[in-house]
Every structure is written in structure tokens, then in C-alpha cells.
Amino acid sequence: MLDIKYIRENVEFVKKAAKDKGFATDFFDELLERDKQRRELLSELESLNSERKKNTDREKGKELKEAIKEKEEKLALALEEYKRLMLRVPNPAAADVKAGTPDENEVIKEVGKIPKFDFQAKDHVEIAELTDTLDLERGAKVAQSGFYYVKNEGVLLEQALINYAIGKLIKKGFTPFVTPNVAKEENVVGCGYQARSDKERQIYHIEGEDLDLIGTAEITLVGLHTNEAIDEKSLPLQYAGISSCYRTEAGSYGKDVRGIIRVHEFRKVEMVVFCKPEESDSWHDKLLGIEEEIWQDLKIPYQVIKMATGDLGSAAVRKYDIEAWMPSQNKYREVTSTSATTDFQTRRLNIRTKVGGESIYPYTLNGTVLALGRAMIAIMENYQRKDGSFEIPKVLRKLVGKKIVEIKK
């Protein structure tokens, strides 16, 4: 959420920033009108309450009491509409972010050597069938398409990735969590997860409950401090969360339907940082550096993408994606991202801290350490052998307990 005073004083800039992100701007006049109404009602209530305190006449006091009640009811309605409109205002992109559509995202770095095979590269589905490490068919039978089983050495590999990532993050000062896989709607919306349209909303809602299945542990990690004051001395807070994640993938029919590139349920290791405003840009570089370090450890080629405004979403002011090389597709595919969100989330969730005696909203950042399904795809395909078996990256071999995942006879 933005400061309403900032919106009032910079309304044309905020409207353009929203448009650059692909969000609607036709509600700003109504927002400013509701803001004006809210301030007028607050002023009128303050005057009525002041008059009531000074008044000694019983009959007049009764009239004032009724007038105050009426104003309070009007204010409650005005505040509800005001808040609804405020939640629609996206966070403007940082000055260094390119204004443009997702097609205009910038490749800023390529790292690693693309593997050359002396055989026709298989995709992860065929490799998983040969090694008996995934079962998509039974996942669809028991749940539906987009859900799957991980089995045999696939389980060992997934657990190794988790242990490797968490071990690295602990050494870097992160506190590990296994978070709930659900969150109240206020925490989901508070983190900025509202779509440009209902069609784009990717969140499963639990019928009859004020709960949604989370799409990322960012929601549960930031939500840890909803309506709390954070001690300045504890900043920066560095959290690493393990969770299952759920996305409806609405509007994605026909895209990546083969395999586990695009699924409804997956597991992920996520980073969240709370910091002082002046430390945010530095932390964004650090989070990207951690993600890069992991893909370099895994020795899988990747490229770093800086997202244009049209691919940022509501909360992020700047976002980097890492795309790993996928041999079967002969292209890079997204495997991680990291975003800076300024005080957008902490304002919405009422998370405060005091810096130099002044009450402020701390800044938040987030970054995916590993989306485990996509990491496994990248390993299977980049480390594949001619017969369909695949090697385990050297950094994971002790954790998995073997060098090669053989095909099952």
C-alpha cells in the first residue's frame, strides 16, 4: 500500500506507474473523492466529540450523541470503500526498471556452458519414466492433472535439494521455517497477491474458511509480523521458508501441459528479508547473488533476466528472474525470482519499526531459493546420459547417497 499523501501529491505519476504495470487506472478519481470524504468526516467527528465534551445540557448531549453515531456509521462505510480502492494501487516500479511489456524483459547475464550431447536429448518426463522417479499418471488419477508423485531417488533428490539450500542459508544468517501451507486472506492481499483481473487470480480458496492455499512461503513469512512492531536492533530479519505451494494456473491451458513445468502443487524454499529502507537495494543484490551461487554450485547454465514493468506484479518495484537451460526445449526457463517490494507489504499488514526514534515501515524483499520441481527438471535434463539415466550434481551426491540414478530394468 502507498502513503495516501504521496498519492495525492503525485497522482499522475502513480497513475502512469500503474498503467506501465498493466493495472487499471480508472478508479483514481473515486479514490481521491473517498479520501476527501474520509477526511471531512473525521474532521466533523472531531468537532462533534469536542463539542460533546464541553456540553453540559442533557438534551443537547443526546442530540450530539445521535449525530456522532450517524457520522461514525458514514465514516465506517467511507473507510471500507477507501481501503478497497487503496488496495488496488500497485507499487510503482523503481527508476532503473524499463517501462515495457514482458516481451521487453532484459537479459543481463548468461552463465555456464550449454551441454552438447552426442545423442537426442530426452525430456524430464521420459527420463523420469525410465528411472521411475516421478509418476504423473497416478497423480492425475488420485488428484487431477497437474498433481504428481515423486518416488524412489526422486524423493532423495528433492530432499537433498532442500537440505543443501537450507544448510547454505543458515550459514548466511537465515532462520529456517517450515511454514503453514494456508494463510488468511488479509495476509495474501497484504503481500500484494491480487491479480490484474479475476481471470488471472492464481490462488485456491478454501470454501467456508477465511483461508487460501499459499502460492509461496513469502506470504507466511511476511505475515509472521502482521500487526507487530519489530525491534530496530533485530533488523535485518532473514527468513528461509519451506512450504508446499498451490496455483490454479487459470488461463494456462495448453501451456507446458507435459510434465511438471507447470503444475498445481509444488514445493519451494523461499527467502524473505525485513530491512531498513537504505539497505534494500543492497539486499536485493545479495538475494540474487545467493540464487546465482546455487545454480553455479549445481553447474547448470542459466541467464539472469531483469523484468520490465509489465511483468512485475502489484508489489515489486524491481524483479530479477533466473532461467535455467532446459535441453529438451532448447531454451532457458524460469526457475527462481527475487523481488524488492519497499514498504508496500508492511504498510498493508501494519508492520512497523522505529529507526532513530521515528516510527517507519520496514522494507521487505523475497527470493526463491529453489522451486524443487523445476530444479529437478533442470538436473535430470542437463545431467542425462544416453540410456535415460542421469547423474547427480557433485554438490548433492553425499546427500543423495549416489552419483548416478540408473534406469529401472
Protein backbone atom coordinates (compact mmCIF):
# COMPACT_ATOMS: atom_id res chain seq x y z
CA MET A 1 0.00 0.00 0.00
CA LEU A 2 1.22 3.51 -0.78
CA ASP A 3 1.01 6.54 1.51
CA ILE A 4 -2.20 8.39 0.58
CA LYS A 5 -0.44 11.73 0.98
CA TYR A 6 2.11 10.59 -1.61
CA ILE A 7 -0.72 9.57 -3.97
CA ARG A 8 -2.46 12.95 -3.55
CA GLU A 9 0.73 14.85 -4.32
CA ASN A 10 1.87 12.59 -7.20
CA VAL A 11 -1.37 11.25 -8.65
CA GLU A 12 -0.34 11.48 -12.33
CA PHE A 13 2.94 9.68 -11.67
CA VAL A 14 1.19 6.92 -9.68
CA LYS A 15 -1.42 6.51 -12.43
CA LYS A 16 1.27 6.21 -15.12
CA ALA A 17 3.20 3.72 -12.96
CA ALA A 18 0.06 1.61 -12.61
CA LYS A 19 -0.56 1.76 -16.36
CA ASP A 20 3.07 0.75 -17.06
CA LYS A 21 2.49 -2.35 -14.90
CA GLY A 22 -0.69 -3.19 -16.78
CA PHE A 23 -3.11 -2.29 -13.98
CA ALA A 24 -6.34 -0.31 -14.25
CA THR A 25 -6.24 3.45 -13.57
CA ASP A 26 -9.92 4.35 -13.92
CA PHE A 27 -10.55 4.29 -10.16
CA PHE A 28 -8.14 7.04 -9.07
CA ASP A 29 -10.73 9.85 -9.21
CA GLU A 30 -13.04 7.80 -7.00
CA LEU A 31 -10.16 7.05 -4.62
CA LEU A 32 -9.34 10.74 -4.19
CA GLU A 33 -13.02 11.53 -3.68
CA ARG A 34 -13.30 8.82 -1.00
CA ASP A 35 -10.16 10.15 0.64
CA LYS A 36 -11.65 13.65 0.72
CA GLN A 37 -14.90 12.30 2.16
CA ARG A 38 -12.97 10.32 4.78
CA ARG A 39 -11.01 13.37 5.92
CA GLU A 40 -14.10 15.56 6.06
CA LEU A 41 -15.99 13.01 8.17
CA LEU A 42 -13.02 12.64 10.53
CA SER A 43 -12.90 16.41 10.95
CA GLU A 44 -16.65 16.61 11.58
CA LEU A 45 -16.46 13.80 14.12
CA GLU A 46 -13.59 15.51 15.91
CA SER A 47 -15.65 18.72 16.18
CA LEU A 48 -18.76 16.88 17.41
CA ASN A 49 -16.77 14.96 20.04
CA SER A 50 -15.11 18.18 21.20
CA GLU A 51 -18.50 19.91 21.46
CA ARG A 52 -19.97 16.97 23.38
CA LYS A 53 -17.16 17.10 25.95
CA LYS A 54 -17.83 20.79 26.58
CA ASN A 55 -21.63 20.46 26.61
CA THR A 56 -23.50 20.26 29.95
CA ASP A 57 -27.06 20.37 28.61
CA ARG A 58 -28.65 16.90 28.76
CA GLU A 59 -30.96 17.33 25.77
CA LYS A 60 -28.18 18.82 23.64
CA GLY A 61 -25.90 15.97 24.70
CA LYS A 62 -28.44 13.44 23.44
CA GLU A 63 -28.61 15.20 20.05
CA LEU A 64 -24.81 15.23 19.81
CA LYS A 65 -24.63 11.54 20.68
CA GLU A 66 -27.02 10.67 17.85
CA ALA A 67 -25.17 12.94 15.43
CA ILE A 68 -21.85 11.27 16.35
CA LYS A 69 -23.33 7.81 15.83
CA GLU A 70 -24.59 8.81 12.38
CA LYS A 71 -21.21 10.25 11.40
CA GLU A 72 -19.42 7.13 12.66
CA GLU A 73 -21.62 4.92 10.51
CA LYS A 74 -20.95 7.09 7.46
CA LEU A 75 -17.22 7.05 8.24
CA ALA A 76 -17.19 3.25 8.54
CA LEU A 77 -18.73 2.94 5.07
CA ALA A 78 -16.38 5.55 3.62
CA LEU A 79 -13.35 3.81 5.15
CA GLU A 80 -14.40 0.46 3.71
CA GLU A 81 -14.61 1.88 0.19
CA TYR A 82 -11.42 3.90 0.69
CA LYS A 83 -9.47 0.82 1.78
CA ARG A 84 -10.85 -1.27 -1.09
CA LEU A 85 -9.62 1.32 -3.59
CA MET A 86 -6.27 1.82 -1.85
CA LEU A 87 -5.56 -1.90 -2.14
CA ARG A 88 -5.92 -1.61 -5.91
CA VAL A 89 -2.99 0.81 -6.23
CA PRO A 90 0.17 -1.07 -7.29
CA ASN A 91 3.67 -0.18 -6.13
CA PRO A 92 5.43 1.99 -8.76
CA ALA A 93 8.48 0.40 -10.38
CA ALA A 94 11.95 1.60 -9.40
CA ALA A 95 13.54 4.29 -11.56
CA ASP A 96 16.05 1.82 -13.03
CA VAL A 97 13.34 -0.55 -14.34
CA LYS A 98 12.48 -0.44 -18.01
CA ALA A 99 8.89 0.52 -18.88
CA GLY A 100 7.57 -2.16 -21.19
CA THR A 101 5.75 -5.43 -21.72
CA PRO A 102 7.00 -8.88 -20.64
CA ASP A 103 8.39 -9.28 -24.16
CA GLU A 104 10.80 -6.46 -23.35
CA ASN A 105 12.42 -8.08 -20.31
CA GLU A 106 16.21 -7.65 -20.40
CA VAL A 107 18.80 -10.43 -20.37
CA ILE A 108 21.58 -9.00 -18.20
CA LYS A 109 23.83 -12.04 -17.80
CA GLU A 110 24.47 -15.56 -19.14
CA VAL A 111 26.48 -18.03 -17.06
CA GLY A 112 27.71 -21.54 -17.79
CA LYS A 113 28.29 -23.69 -20.85
CA ILE A 114 25.29 -25.22 -22.59
CA PRO A 115 25.76 -29.03 -22.70
CA LYS A 116 26.31 -30.78 -26.01
CA PHE A 117 25.03 -34.36 -26.26
CA ASP A 118 26.08 -36.95 -28.85
CA PHE A 119 22.54 -38.33 -28.70
CA GLN A 120 18.99 -36.98 -28.95
CA ALA A 121 18.22 -35.25 -25.65
CA LYS A 122 15.26 -36.65 -23.73
CA ASP A 123 12.84 -34.52 -21.75
CA HIS A 124 12.32 -34.90 -18.00
CA VAL A 125 9.12 -36.92 -18.47
CA GLU A 126 10.88 -39.67 -20.43
CA ILE A 127 13.85 -39.63 -18.05
CA ALA A 128 11.51 -39.86 -15.04
CA GLU A 129 9.67 -42.82 -16.61
CA LEU A 130 12.91 -44.67 -17.33
CA THR A 131 14.30 -44.03 -13.83
CA ASP A 132 10.92 -44.40 -12.08
CA THR A 133 11.36 -41.13 -10.16
CA LEU A 134 8.04 -39.40 -10.98
CA ASP A 135 4.52 -40.73 -11.51
CA LEU A 136 2.31 -38.23 -13.31
CA GLU A 137 -0.33 -40.69 -14.45
CA ARG A 138 -1.23 -41.82 -10.94
CA GLY A 139 -1.01 -38.26 -9.66
CA ALA A 140 -3.75 -37.34 -12.13
CA LYS A 141 -5.75 -40.43 -11.19
CA VAL A 142 -5.67 -39.74 -7.45
CA ALA A 143 -5.98 -35.94 -7.67
CA GLN A 144 -6.16 -34.43 -11.15
CA SER A 145 -3.86 -33.33 -13.94
CA GLY A 146 -1.20 -31.01 -12.51
CA PHE A 147 -0.55 -33.14 -9.42
CA TYR A 148 2.13 -35.83 -9.32
CA TYR A 149 4.05 -38.32 -7.19
CA VAL A 150 7.79 -38.10 -6.55
CA LYS A 151 9.29 -41.51 -5.79
CA ASN A 152 12.48 -43.54 -5.34
CA GLU A 153 15.63 -41.49 -5.98
CA GLY A 154 13.38 -38.54 -6.94
CA VAL A 155 12.48 -38.23 -3.25
CA LEU A 156 16.16 -38.42 -2.27
CA LEU A 157 16.99 -35.73 -4.82
CA GLU A 158 14.21 -33.40 -3.67
CA GLN A 159 15.19 -33.80 -0.01
CA ALA A 160 18.85 -33.27 -0.90
CA LEU A 161 18.00 -30.00 -2.63
CA ILE A 162 16.10 -28.83 0.47
CA ASN A 163 18.89 -29.80 2.87
CA TYR A 164 21.57 -28.29 0.65
CA ALA A 165 19.69 -24.98 0.27
CA ILE A 166 18.74 -24.66 3.93
CA GLY A 167 22.29 -25.53 5.02
CA LYS A 168 23.67 -22.79 2.79
CA LEU A 169 21.13 -20.23 4.03
CA ILE A 170 21.75 -20.99 7.71
CA LYS A 171 25.44 -20.25 7.14
CA LYS A 172 24.41 -16.92 5.63
CA GLY A 173 22.36 -15.96 8.71
CA PHE A 174 18.87 -17.07 7.70
CA THR A 175 16.44 -18.57 10.21
CA PRO A 176 14.75 -21.69 8.74
CA PHE A 177 11.00 -22.31 8.94
CA VAL A 178 8.56 -24.93 7.75
CA THR A 179 5.53 -22.69 7.29
CA PRO A 180 1.78 -23.33 7.13
CA ASN A 181 0.54 -24.01 3.62
CA VAL A 182 -2.51 -21.79 4.16
CA ALA A 183 -2.94 -18.14 5.10
CA LYS A 184 -5.76 -15.76 5.91
CA GLU A 185 -6.97 -13.59 3.05
CA GLU A 186 -5.62 -10.44 4.75
CA ASN A 187 -2.09 -11.85 4.56
CA VAL A 188 -2.45 -12.89 0.92
CA VAL A 189 -3.81 -9.48 -0.11
CA GLY A 190 -1.41 -7.76 2.28
CA CYS A 191 1.52 -9.22 0.38
CA GLY A 192 0.09 -7.85 -2.87
CA TYR A 193 -1.28 -11.04 -4.36
CA GLN A 194 -4.24 -9.67 -6.22
CA ALA A 195 -4.49 -10.21 -9.93
CA ARG A 196 -4.98 -7.65 -12.68
CA SER A 197 -8.29 -9.45 -13.25
CA ASP A 198 -10.27 -12.31 -11.66
CA LYS A 199 -9.20 -14.49 -14.58
CA GLU A 200 -5.55 -14.10 -13.55
CA ARG A 201 -6.11 -14.92 -9.88
CA GLN A 202 -3.95 -18.00 -9.27
CA ILE A 203 -4.98 -18.78 -5.69
CA TYR A 204 -7.06 -21.67 -4.35
CA HIS A 205 -9.62 -20.53 -1.76
CA ILE A 206 -10.88 -22.92 0.93
CA GLU A 207 -14.67 -22.83 0.82
CA GLY A 208 -16.28 -21.73 4.08
CA GLU A 209 -12.98 -20.56 5.59
CA ASP A 210 -11.04 -17.31 5.66
CA LEU A 211 -8.10 -19.25 4.26
CA ASP A 212 -6.27 -19.56 0.95
CA LEU A 213 -3.67 -22.12 -0.10
CA ILE A 214 -0.42 -20.20 -0.47
CA GLY A 215 1.45 -19.84 -3.75
CA THR A 216 4.69 -19.03 -1.92
CA ALA A 217 6.09 -19.01 1.63
CA GLU A 218 6.67 -15.29 1.13
CA ILE A 219 3.08 -14.84 2.31
CA THR A 220 3.52 -16.82 5.51
CA LEU A 221 6.97 -15.41 6.28
CA VAL A 222 5.99 -11.76 5.82
CA GLY A 223 2.72 -12.50 7.61
CA LEU A 224 4.66 -13.62 10.69
CA HIS A 225 4.79 -10.00 11.82
CA THR A 226 1.32 -8.74 10.83
CA ASN A 227 0.22 -6.01 13.29
CA GLU A 228 3.55 -6.18 15.11
CA ALA A 229 6.37 -3.78 15.92
CA ILE A 230 9.83 -5.10 15.03
CA ASP A 231 12.75 -4.09 17.24
CA GLU A 232 15.20 -2.00 15.22
CA LYS A 233 18.10 -3.96 16.73
CA SER A 234 16.79 -7.18 15.16
CA LEU A 235 16.97 -5.80 11.61
CA PRO A 236 17.70 -7.18 9.14
CA LEU A 237 15.48 -10.23 9.69
CA GLN A 238 16.45 -13.09 7.36
CA TYR A 239 13.95 -15.92 6.97
CA ALA A 240 14.04 -19.11 4.88
CA GLY A 241 10.76 -20.99 4.46
CA ILE A 242 9.98 -24.49 3.23
CA SER A 243 6.39 -24.97 2.07
CA SER A 244 4.10 -26.61 -0.40
CA CYS A 245 2.74 -24.11 -2.92
CA TYR A 246 -0.51 -24.12 -4.88
CA ARG A 247 -1.55 -22.33 -8.06
CA THR A 248 -4.68 -22.79 -10.13
CA GLU A 249 -2.80 -21.90 -13.33
CA ALA A 250 -6.01 -20.35 -14.65
CA GLY A 251 -5.65 -19.30 -18.25
CA SER A 252 -2.65 -21.61 -18.75
CA TYR A 253 -4.48 -24.36 -20.63
CA GLY A 254 -2.27 -25.77 -23.34
CA LYS A 255 0.93 -24.28 -21.92
CA ASP A 256 3.52 -26.78 -20.69
CA VAL A 257 0.94 -29.50 -20.17
CA ARG A 258 3.59 -32.21 -20.46
CA GLY A 259 5.46 -32.97 -17.28
CA ILE A 260 5.92 -30.83 -14.19
CA ILE A 261 6.95 -27.46 -15.61
CA ARG A 262 3.51 -26.01 -14.81
CA VAL A 263 1.61 -27.78 -12.03
CA HIS A 264 -0.98 -27.05 -9.34
CA GLU A 265 1.13 -28.21 -6.38
CA PHE A 266 4.88 -27.97 -5.84
CA ARG A 267 7.39 -27.43 -3.06
CA LYS A 268 9.69 -24.49 -2.68
CA VAL A 269 12.38 -22.93 -0.49
CA GLU A 270 11.85 -19.17 -0.19
CA MET A 271 13.83 -16.28 1.31
CA VAL A 272 12.29 -13.19 2.95
CA VAL A 273 14.17 -10.21 4.37
CA PHE A 274 12.94 -7.29 6.51
CA CYS A 275 15.42 -4.41 6.47
CA LYS A 276 15.90 -0.66 6.83
CA PRO A 277 14.93 1.31 3.68
CA GLU A 278 18.50 2.31 2.84
CA GLU A 279 19.60 -1.35 2.86
CA SER A 280 17.00 -2.62 0.38
CA ASP A 281 18.96 -2.29 -2.88
CA SER A 282 21.99 -3.96 -1.33
CA TRP A 283 19.84 -6.83 -0.07
CA HIS A 284 18.28 -7.27 -3.49
CA ASP A 285 21.75 -7.80 -4.96
CA LYS A 286 22.56 -10.25 -2.14
CA LEU A 287 19.45 -12.35 -2.72
CA LEU A 288 20.16 -12.56 -6.44
CA GLY A 289 23.76 -13.49 -5.58
CA ILE A 290 22.59 -16.36 -3.35
CA GLU A 291 20.33 -17.70 -6.11
CA GLU A 292 23.16 -17.49 -8.64
CA GLU A 293 25.56 -19.20 -6.26
CA ILE A 294 23.19 -22.17 -6.03
CA TRP A 295 22.88 -22.62 -9.80
CA GLN A 296 26.65 -22.26 -10.14
CA ASP A 297 27.09 -24.95 -7.45
CA LEU A 298 24.73 -27.19 -9.40
CA LYS A 299 26.75 -26.40 -12.55
CA ILE A 300 23.67 -25.77 -14.65
CA PRO A 301 23.76 -22.99 -17.30
CA TYR A 302 21.44 -20.07 -16.62
CA GLN A 303 20.65 -16.50 -17.56
CA VAL A 304 19.54 -13.59 -15.38
CA ILE A 305 16.55 -11.53 -16.54
CA LYS A 306 15.62 -8.06 -15.31
CA MET A 307 11.87 -7.74 -15.64
CA ALA A 308 10.19 -4.83 -17.41
CA THR A 309 7.32 -3.04 -15.65
CA GLY A 310 4.64 -5.15 -17.34
CA ASP A 311 5.99 -8.30 -15.66
CA LEU A 312 6.38 -7.02 -12.10
CA GLY A 313 3.05 -7.66 -10.43
CA SER A 314 1.45 -5.44 -7.79
CA ALA A 315 4.08 -5.37 -5.02
CA ALA A 316 7.50 -5.50 -6.70
CA VAL A 317 9.45 -2.38 -7.63
CA ARG A 318 12.21 -4.47 -9.21
CA LYS A 319 12.45 -8.15 -10.03
CA TYR A 320 15.11 -10.50 -11.37
CA ASP A 321 14.43 -14.00 -12.71
CA ILE A 322 16.95 -16.78 -13.18
CA GLU A 323 16.21 -19.02 -16.14
CA ALA A 324 17.98 -22.39 -16.31
CA TRP A 325 18.84 -24.15 -19.56
CA MET A 326 16.36 -26.91 -20.49
CA PRO A 327 17.96 -29.13 -23.18
CA SER A 328 14.71 -30.77 -24.33
CA GLN A 329 13.22 -27.36 -25.11
CA ASN A 330 16.49 -25.88 -26.36
CA LYS A 331 15.88 -22.74 -24.32
CA TYR A 332 16.06 -21.19 -20.87
CA ARG A 333 13.09 -21.48 -18.49
CA GLU A 334 12.34 -19.60 -15.26
CA VAL A 335 13.47 -21.39 -12.10
CA THR A 336 13.77 -18.61 -9.49
CA SER A 337 12.94 -14.94 -8.96
CA THR A 338 13.77 -12.24 -6.44
CA SER A 339 11.79 -9.04 -5.82
CA ALA A 340 12.20 -5.81 -3.86
CA THR A 341 8.85 -4.55 -2.52
CA THR A 342 9.83 -1.45 -0.44
CA ASP A 343 7.31 -0.80 2.39
CA PHE A 344 4.33 -1.83 0.23
CA GLN A 345 3.65 -5.05 2.16
CA THR A 346 4.45 -3.74 5.65
CA ARG A 347 2.03 -0.81 5.25
CA ARG A 348 -0.76 -3.15 4.21
CA LEU A 349 -0.02 -5.53 7.10
CA ASN A 350 0.71 -2.83 9.70
CA ILE A 351 4.26 -3.96 10.42
CA ARG A 352 6.31 -1.17 11.97
CA THR A 353 9.71 -0.48 13.45
CA LYS A 354 11.48 2.53 14.98
CA VAL A 355 14.61 3.85 13.32
CA GLY A 356 16.32 6.77 15.05
CA GLY A 357 13.26 7.24 17.23
CA GLU A 358 10.95 7.58 14.23
CA SER A 359 8.22 5.02 13.55
CA ILE A 360 8.55 3.67 9.99
CA TYR A 361 7.51 0.69 7.92
CA PRO A 362 10.48 -1.62 7.25
CA TYR A 363 11.21 -2.71 3.68
CA THR A 364 10.72 -6.32 2.55
CA LEU A 365 12.33 -8.44 -0.14
CA ASN A 366 11.78 -12.01 -1.25
CA GLY A 367 13.60 -14.56 -3.34
CA THR A 368 13.02 -18.15 -4.40
CA VAL A 369 16.00 -20.28 -3.43
CA LEU A 370 14.72 -23.37 -5.22
CA ALA A 371 11.42 -24.32 -6.82
CA LEU A 372 12.09 -28.02 -6.30
CA GLY A 373 10.19 -29.42 -9.28
CA ARG A 374 11.88 -27.15 -11.80
CA ALA A 375 15.27 -27.70 -10.17
CA MET A 376 14.78 -31.46 -10.60
CA ILE A 377 13.82 -30.97 -14.26
CA ALA A 378 16.99 -28.97 -14.88
CA ILE A 379 19.15 -31.61 -13.18
CA MET A 380 17.55 -34.56 -15.00
CA GLU A 381 17.87 -32.92 -18.40
CA ASN A 382 21.31 -31.30 -18.09
CA TYR A 383 22.87 -34.36 -16.41
CA GLN A 384 21.17 -37.00 -18.58
CA ARG A 385 23.00 -39.92 -20.16
CA LYS A 386 22.27 -41.72 -23.41
CA ASP A 387 20.28 -44.56 -21.84
CA GLY A 388 17.99 -42.19 -19.90
CA SER A 389 19.80 -42.38 -16.57
CA PHE A 390 21.14 -39.15 -15.08
CA GLU A 391 23.99 -38.03 -12.85
CA ILE A 392 23.55 -36.24 -9.54
CA PRO A 393 25.36 -32.88 -9.33
CA LYS A 394 28.56 -33.25 -7.32
CA VAL A 395 27.37 -30.86 -4.61
CA LEU A 396 24.38 -33.15 -3.88
CA ARG A 397 25.97 -36.61 -4.12
CA LYS A 398 26.65 -37.13 -0.40
CA LEU A 399 23.10 -36.02 0.40
CA VAL A 400 21.54 -38.31 -2.20
CA GLY A 401 23.94 -41.16 -1.48
CA LYS A 402 24.81 -41.94 -5.09
CA LYS A 403 26.38 -40.48 -8.22
CA ILE A 404 24.01 -41.86 -10.86
CA VAL A 405 20.28 -42.55 -10.92
CA GLU A 406 20.10 -45.65 -13.12
CA ILE A 407 17.19 -46.69 -15.34
CA LYS A 408 14.92 -49.35 -13.87
CA LYS A 409 15.06 -52.66 -15.74
